[in-house]
């Protein structure tokens, strides 16, 4: 695929890996990221440094809320596909700083929709989240399940993104596809996520906090699997991916997950094995906004673009620990 793509959140975890794969296969990529300090900007800069080595990569430092800057980027480029991964992530932080979620995830996403509409972009792919399933009890989570009970503001903004995208698809014929990512992890991962936090604490011999006394399970999805799903979506024309069970608009939503929920305690045991150190555990009650279990039904993604999750958690965690020790020389 030779046409030009815009990837927002290009210095973020998933954005970096996606850009790298696209650049390696010769695609021209324009990256956009505000490099904010929600987590260590040095990690974002290190990712970006890898991308800027490619001659087919151009980078703009800006926020999605910067309407003028965004308009200029769209005016000076012709994008067939836009992948919007920029967002304010995290569930706990949404309790502390709700306005950052309103700005980045609602105002910012609205700006992206407007630009894609006026530029007549052929396909907008955007990150949603497994968090939208909220208080749902039925496992595994399917895209056909109602998602009307978000239990965090972060989840509410992601559900809002799906509704906003659907309305643009319906009103303006803009093909949009939302990806409900399930706990993506791996090398270059986010420091605010459990696997990164646990690894850091174990290696530094600090205690780790385990919530709901360990009775929590997550559908941990390895980064390479998540990116393979995104690439398959980029390569397939958006038209025809509409969900006939919901409406006639060219808008779809897909789960991208591993389909195998793992208990957090098992993850800790595996990290102990790979770091060759014992964790000091502090058991805590369930945090506000946290879900007890997540598990993806990926039937729809498999049917429509052959998505398969290949990486068992044992392999993925081993790869992560190897990367962590190399990057932090620990």
Protein backbone atom coordinates (compact mmCIF):
# COMPACT_ATOMS: atom_id res chain seq x y z
CA UNK A 1 0.00 0.00 0.00
CA UNK A 2 1.66 3.22 -1.12
CA UNK A 3 -0.74 6.01 -0.24
CA UNK A 4 -0.19 8.43 2.63
CA UNK A 5 -1.59 7.77 6.11
CA UNK A 6 -2.07 9.99 9.14
CA UNK A 7 -1.48 8.29 12.49
CA UNK A 8 -2.35 10.38 15.55
CA UNK A 9 -0.75 9.35 18.84
CA UNK A 10 2.29 8.25 16.81
CA UNK A 11 4.64 8.51 19.81
CA UNK A 12 2.21 6.48 21.93
CA UNK A 13 2.51 2.75 22.54
CA UNK A 14 0.21 1.33 19.84
CA UNK A 15 0.81 4.29 17.51
CA UNK A 16 4.58 3.77 17.56
CA UNK A 17 4.34 0.06 16.72
CA UNK A 18 1.80 0.70 13.95
CA UNK A 19 3.89 3.49 12.39
CA UNK A 20 7.03 1.33 12.50
CA UNK A 21 5.30 -1.52 10.65
CA UNK A 22 3.80 0.84 8.06
CA UNK A 23 7.14 2.60 7.50
CA UNK A 24 8.99 -0.71 7.15
CA UNK A 25 6.72 -1.68 4.30
CA UNK A 26 7.24 1.63 2.52
CA UNK A 27 4.06 3.51 3.39
CA UNK A 28 4.35 7.28 3.71
CA UNK A 29 3.26 8.16 7.25
CA UNK A 30 2.49 11.52 8.83
CA UNK A 31 2.61 11.25 12.61
CA UNK A 32 0.97 13.57 15.10
CA UNK A 33 1.42 13.61 18.89
CA UNK A 34 1.51 16.26 21.62
CA UNK A 35 4.11 14.33 23.69
CA UNK A 36 2.34 15.27 26.92
CA UNK A 37 3.65 14.33 30.35
CA UNK A 38 0.83 11.95 31.41
CA UNK A 39 3.66 9.43 31.53
CA UNK A 40 7.44 9.74 31.01
CA UNK A 41 7.96 11.90 27.90
CA UNK A 42 11.46 10.37 27.57
CA UNK A 43 9.85 7.07 26.57
CA UNK A 44 7.71 8.86 23.96
CA UNK A 45 10.80 10.68 22.64
CA UNK A 46 12.73 7.40 22.42
CA UNK A 47 9.91 5.83 20.37
CA UNK A 48 9.79 8.90 18.14
CA UNK A 49 13.53 8.79 17.60
CA UNK A 50 13.13 5.33 16.03
CA UNK A 51 10.43 6.60 13.66
CA UNK A 52 12.28 9.73 12.54
CA UNK A 53 15.05 7.51 11.13
CA UNK A 54 12.66 6.58 8.31
CA UNK A 55 12.72 8.96 5.32
CA UNK A 56 9.00 8.28 4.70
CA UNK A 57 7.98 9.65 8.13
CA UNK A 58 6.95 13.24 8.90
CA UNK A 59 6.09 14.36 12.43
CA UNK A 60 3.96 17.21 13.80
CA UNK A 61 3.92 17.98 17.51
CA UNK A 62 0.39 19.11 18.31
CA UNK A 63 -2.81 18.26 20.15
CA UNK A 64 -6.05 17.25 18.46
CA UNK A 65 -7.68 20.26 20.14
CA UNK A 66 -5.47 22.55 18.03
CA UNK A 67 -8.04 23.17 15.29
CA UNK A 68 -5.81 25.53 13.33
CA UNK A 69 -2.80 23.22 13.38
CA UNK A 70 -4.90 20.19 12.44
CA UNK A 71 -6.52 22.09 9.55
CA UNK A 72 -3.06 22.97 8.25
CA UNK A 73 -1.88 19.32 8.38
CA UNK A 74 -4.95 18.16 6.44
CA UNK A 75 -4.68 21.03 3.95
CA UNK A 76 -1.03 20.24 3.15
CA UNK A 77 -1.52 16.48 2.76
CA UNK A 78 -3.91 14.12 1.07
CA UNK A 79 -4.78 11.22 3.40
CA UNK A 80 -6.67 8.21 2.14
CA UNK A 81 -6.71 6.61 5.60
CA UNK A 82 -6.53 8.22 9.05
CA UNK A 83 -5.81 6.15 12.17
CA UNK A 84 -6.74 8.09 15.30
CA UNK A 85 -4.95 6.62 18.33
CA UNK A 86 -4.33 9.92 20.15
CA UNK A 87 -6.36 10.14 23.35
CA UNK A 88 -6.07 10.73 27.06
CA UNK A 89 -5.82 7.13 28.32
CA UNK A 90 -6.21 5.58 31.74
CA UNK A 91 -9.11 4.91 34.08
CA UNK A 92 -7.77 6.07 37.46
CA UNK A 93 -6.46 9.36 36.09
CA UNK A 94 -9.95 10.21 34.82
CA UNK A 95 -11.00 10.53 38.46
CA UNK A 96 -8.27 13.14 39.05
CA UNK A 97 -8.27 15.15 35.83
CA UNK A 98 -11.60 14.76 34.02
CA UNK A 99 -11.15 17.90 31.88
CA UNK A 100 -8.16 16.38 30.03
CA UNK A 101 -10.47 13.55 28.85
CA UNK A 102 -13.18 15.99 27.72
CA UNK A 103 -10.62 18.00 25.72
CA UNK A 104 -8.58 15.22 24.07
CA UNK A 105 -11.21 12.51 23.68
CA UNK A 106 -14.30 14.59 22.86
CA UNK A 107 -13.20 17.98 21.51
CA UNK A 108 -10.12 16.48 19.84
CA UNK A 109 -12.02 13.58 18.31
CA UNK A 110 -14.70 15.97 17.03
CA UNK A 111 -11.94 17.91 15.24
CA UNK A 112 -10.63 14.72 13.61
CA UNK A 113 -14.13 13.82 12.37
CA UNK A 114 -14.58 17.30 10.88
CA UNK A 115 -11.22 17.21 9.11
CA UNK A 116 -11.84 13.71 7.71
CA UNK A 117 -15.27 14.75 6.52
CA UNK A 118 -14.04 17.85 4.64
CA UNK A 119 -10.96 16.07 3.27
CA UNK A 120 -13.16 13.21 2.02
CA UNK A 121 -10.94 10.64 3.74
CA UNK A 122 -11.74 7.12 2.51
CA UNK A 123 -11.51 5.47 5.95
CA UNK A 124 -11.14 6.71 9.54
CA UNK A 125 -10.01 4.01 11.97
CA UNK A 126 -10.10 5.07 15.63
CA UNK A 127 -9.29 3.59 19.02
CA UNK A 128 -12.17 2.74 21.29
CA UNK A 129 -11.66 0.51 24.34
CA UNK A 130 -12.86 -2.65 26.09
CA UNK A 131 -13.74 -0.25 28.94
CA UNK A 132 -17.00 0.59 27.12
CA UNK A 133 -18.40 -2.77 28.29
CA UNK A 134 -18.42 -1.33 31.82
CA UNK A 135 -20.76 -3.11 34.18
CA UNK A 136 -21.67 -5.86 31.66
CA UNK A 137 -21.70 -9.33 33.21
CA UNK A 138 -21.93 -11.53 30.10
CA UNK A 139 -18.52 -12.96 29.15
CA UNK A 140 -17.06 -12.87 26.53
CA UNK A 141 -17.93 -9.32 25.47
CA UNK A 142 -19.44 -9.11 22.00
CA UNK A 143 -19.85 -6.03 19.81
CA UNK A 144 -23.60 -6.72 19.74
CA UNK A 145 -23.85 -6.33 23.54
CA UNK A 146 -25.39 -3.09 24.85
CA UNK A 147 -22.74 -0.72 26.24
CA UNK A 148 -24.89 1.77 28.12
CA UNK A 149 -23.27 1.48 31.55
CA UNK A 150 -19.71 2.86 31.51
CA UNK A 151 -18.16 2.86 34.98
CA UNK A 152 -15.45 5.48 34.30
CA UNK A 153 -15.33 8.81 32.51
CA UNK A 154 -12.61 7.39 30.23
CA UNK A 155 -15.03 4.63 29.13
CA UNK A 156 -17.81 7.19 28.65
CA UNK A 157 -15.61 9.27 26.30
CA UNK A 158 -14.76 6.16 24.25
CA UNK A 159 -18.43 5.21 23.96
CA UNK A 160 -19.11 8.83 22.94
CA UNK A 161 -16.46 8.49 20.19
CA UNK A 162 -18.36 5.52 18.77
CA UNK A 163 -21.60 7.52 18.75
CA UNK A 164 -19.94 10.58 17.20
CA UNK A 165 -18.30 8.45 14.49
CA UNK A 166 -21.59 6.71 13.73
CA UNK A 167 -23.37 10.04 13.27
CA UNK A 168 -20.68 11.27 10.83
CA UNK A 169 -20.88 7.98 8.93
CA UNK A 170 -24.66 8.30 8.73
CA UNK A 171 -24.83 12.01 7.85
CA UNK A 172 -21.80 12.40 5.59
CA UNK A 173 -21.03 8.87 4.37
CA UNK A 174 -17.63 8.95 6.11
CA UNK A 175 -16.51 5.32 6.56
CA UNK A 176 -15.43 4.85 10.19
CA UNK A 177 -14.23 1.83 12.15
CA UNK A 178 -13.81 1.74 15.93
CA UNK A 179 -11.44 -0.70 17.63
CA UNK A 180 -12.22 -1.87 21.15
CA UNK A 181 -8.70 -2.77 22.29
CA UNK A 182 -8.39 -5.21 25.20
CA UNK A 183 -5.43 -4.47 27.54
CA UNK A 184 -2.63 -4.22 24.99
CA UNK A 185 0.87 -4.84 26.38
CA UNK A 186 4.40 -5.57 25.19
CA UNK A 187 7.77 -3.90 24.49
CA UNK A 188 7.68 -0.08 24.57
CA UNK A 189 4.47 -0.35 26.63
CA UNK A 190 2.82 2.27 28.83
CA UNK A 191 4.27 2.89 32.32
CA UNK A 192 0.78 3.47 33.77
CA UNK A 193 -0.34 -0.10 33.00
CA UNK A 194 -0.14 -3.04 35.39
CA UNK A 195 2.45 -5.19 33.59
CA UNK A 196 4.89 -2.29 33.32
CA UNK A 197 4.29 -1.20 36.94
CA UNK A 198 4.69 -4.75 38.27
CA UNK A 199 7.91 -5.37 36.32
CA UNK A 200 9.44 -2.08 37.46
CA UNK A 201 8.51 -2.68 41.11
CA UNK A 202 9.72 -6.29 41.16
CA UNK A 203 13.09 -5.40 39.60
CA UNK A 204 13.52 -2.45 42.00
CA UNK A 205 12.40 -4.63 44.92
CA UNK A 206 9.43 -2.40 45.73
CA UNK A 207 6.01 -3.77 46.72
CA UNK A 208 3.25 -4.15 44.13
CA UNK A 209 -0.42 -3.36 44.73
CA UNK A 210 -2.88 -6.06 43.68
CA UNK A 211 -6.49 -4.95 43.52
CA UNK A 212 -9.62 -6.84 44.53
CA UNK A 213 -7.24 -9.14 46.43
CA UNK A 214 -6.12 -10.68 43.14
CA UNK A 215 -9.58 -11.64 41.92
CA UNK A 216 -9.30 -9.68 38.67
CA UNK A 217 -8.82 -11.08 35.15
CA UNK A 218 -7.82 -9.28 31.97
CA UNK A 219 -7.76 -10.23 28.32
CA UNK A 220 -4.09 -9.29 27.81
CA UNK A 221 -3.44 -8.67 24.11
CA UNK A 222 0.13 -8.69 22.80
CA UNK A 223 1.09 -5.60 20.80
CA UNK A 224 2.08 -7.50 17.63
CA UNK A 225 -1.39 -9.11 17.51
CA UNK A 226 -3.12 -5.75 18.00
CA UNK A 227 -1.06 -4.16 15.21
CA UNK A 228 -1.69 -7.07 12.83
CA UNK A 229 -5.42 -6.39 13.31
CA UNK A 230 -4.95 -2.69 12.54
CA UNK A 231 -2.88 -3.42 9.42
CA UNK A 232 -5.53 -5.83 8.12
CA UNK A 233 -8.12 -3.10 8.59
CA UNK A 234 -6.01 -0.47 6.84
CA UNK A 235 -5.50 -2.82 3.88
CA UNK A 236 -9.18 -3.65 3.49
CA UNK A 237 -11.51 -1.05 1.97
CA UNK A 238 -13.92 0.29 4.57
CA UNK A 239 -16.99 0.11 2.36
CA UNK A 240 -18.92 -3.03 3.15
CA UNK A 241 -17.74 -3.20 6.75
CA UNK A 242 -20.98 -1.60 7.96
CA UNK A 243 -22.83 -3.59 10.58
CA UNK A 244 -26.18 -4.49 9.07
CA UNK A 245 -27.43 -5.48 12.54
CA UNK A 246 -27.22 -1.89 13.77
CA UNK A 247 -27.74 0.53 10.87
CA UNK A 248 -26.99 1.16 7.23
CA UNK A 249 -24.22 3.69 7.97
CA UNK A 250 -20.65 2.76 6.96
CA UNK A 251 -19.59 2.45 10.59
CA UNK A 252 -18.37 -0.65 12.39
CA UNK A 253 -16.92 -1.56 15.76
CA UNK A 254 -14.55 -4.48 16.39
CA UNK A 255 -13.06 -6.17 19.43
CA UNK A 256 -9.31 -6.78 19.26
CA UNK A 257 -8.33 -9.11 22.08
CA UNK A 258 -6.62 -12.35 23.03
CA UNK A 259 -9.85 -14.23 23.97
CA UNK A 260 -8.11 -15.73 27.00
CA UNK A 261 -8.56 -13.78 30.25
CA UNK A 262 -5.68 -14.28 32.67
CA UNK A 263 -5.82 -13.79 36.42
CA UNK A 264 -3.60 -10.94 37.54
CA UNK A 265 -1.96 -13.27 40.09
CA UNK A 266 -0.84 -15.59 37.26
CA UNK A 267 0.73 -12.59 35.51
CA UNK A 268 2.62 -11.70 38.69
CA UNK A 269 3.90 -15.29 39.01
CA UNK A 270 5.13 -15.24 35.39
CA UNK A 271 6.86 -11.90 35.92
CA UNK A 272 8.56 -13.35 39.02
CA UNK A 273 9.81 -16.23 36.87
CA UNK A 274 11.16 -13.99 34.08
CA UNK A 275 12.74 -11.40 36.39
CA UNK A 276 14.02 -14.14 38.73
CA UNK A 277 12.82 -12.09 41.70
CA UNK A 278 9.97 -12.44 44.19
CA UNK A 279 7.26 -9.78 44.35
CA UNK A 280 6.19 -8.25 47.65
CA UNK A 281 2.40 -8.12 47.32
CA UNK A 282 0.03 -5.66 48.94
CA UNK A 283 -3.60 -6.74 48.55
CA UNK A 284 -6.07 -3.90 48.00
CA UNK A 285 -9.83 -3.60 47.38
CA UNK A 286 -11.19 -3.05 43.86
CA UNK A 287 -10.50 0.47 42.58
CA UNK A 288 -13.35 2.78 41.49
CA UNK A 289 -13.95 2.47 37.75
CA UNK A 290 -12.11 -0.87 37.42
CA UNK A 291 -13.75 -3.91 35.81
CA UNK A 292 -13.55 -7.39 37.37
CA UNK A 293 -12.96 -9.30 34.14
CA UNK A 294 -12.55 -8.56 30.44
CA UNK A 295 -12.71 -11.05 27.60
CA UNK A 296 -13.08 -10.35 23.89
CA UNK A 297 -15.29 -12.20 21.45
CA UNK A 298 -13.30 -11.63 18.24
CA UNK A 299 -15.58 -13.60 15.90
CA UNK A 300 -16.51 -10.49 13.94
CA UNK A 301 -12.88 -9.33 13.47
CA UNK A 302 -11.87 -12.84 12.37
CA UNK A 303 -14.77 -13.04 9.92
CA UNK A 304 -14.23 -9.63 8.34
CA UNK A 305 -10.45 -9.41 8.10
CA UNK A 306 -8.95 -12.65 9.35
CA UNK A 307 -7.85 -11.38 12.76
CA UNK A 308 -6.18 -14.06 14.89
CA UNK A 309 -4.45 -13.53 18.23
CA UNK A 310 -1.33 -15.70 18.20
CA UNK A 311 0.76 -14.74 21.23
CA UNK A 312 0.26 -16.58 24.54
CA UNK A 313 0.75 -14.47 27.66
CA UNK A 314 3.85 -16.48 28.66
CA UNK A 315 5.65 -15.47 25.44
CA UNK A 316 4.40 -11.88 25.54
CA UNK A 317 5.50 -11.28 29.14
CA UNK A 318 8.91 -12.81 28.47
CA UNK A 319 9.37 -10.42 25.50
CA UNK A 320 8.28 -7.48 27.65
CA UNK A 321 10.71 -8.24 30.49
CA UNK A 322 13.57 -8.66 27.98
CA UNK A 323 12.75 -5.26 26.43
CA UNK A 324 12.35 -3.58 29.84
CA UNK A 325 15.72 -4.80 31.12
CA UNK A 326 17.43 -3.71 27.91
CA UNK A 327 15.79 -0.28 27.74
CA UNK A 328 16.24 0.59 31.41
CA UNK A 329 19.51 -1.39 31.76
CA UNK A 330 18.03 -3.13 34.76
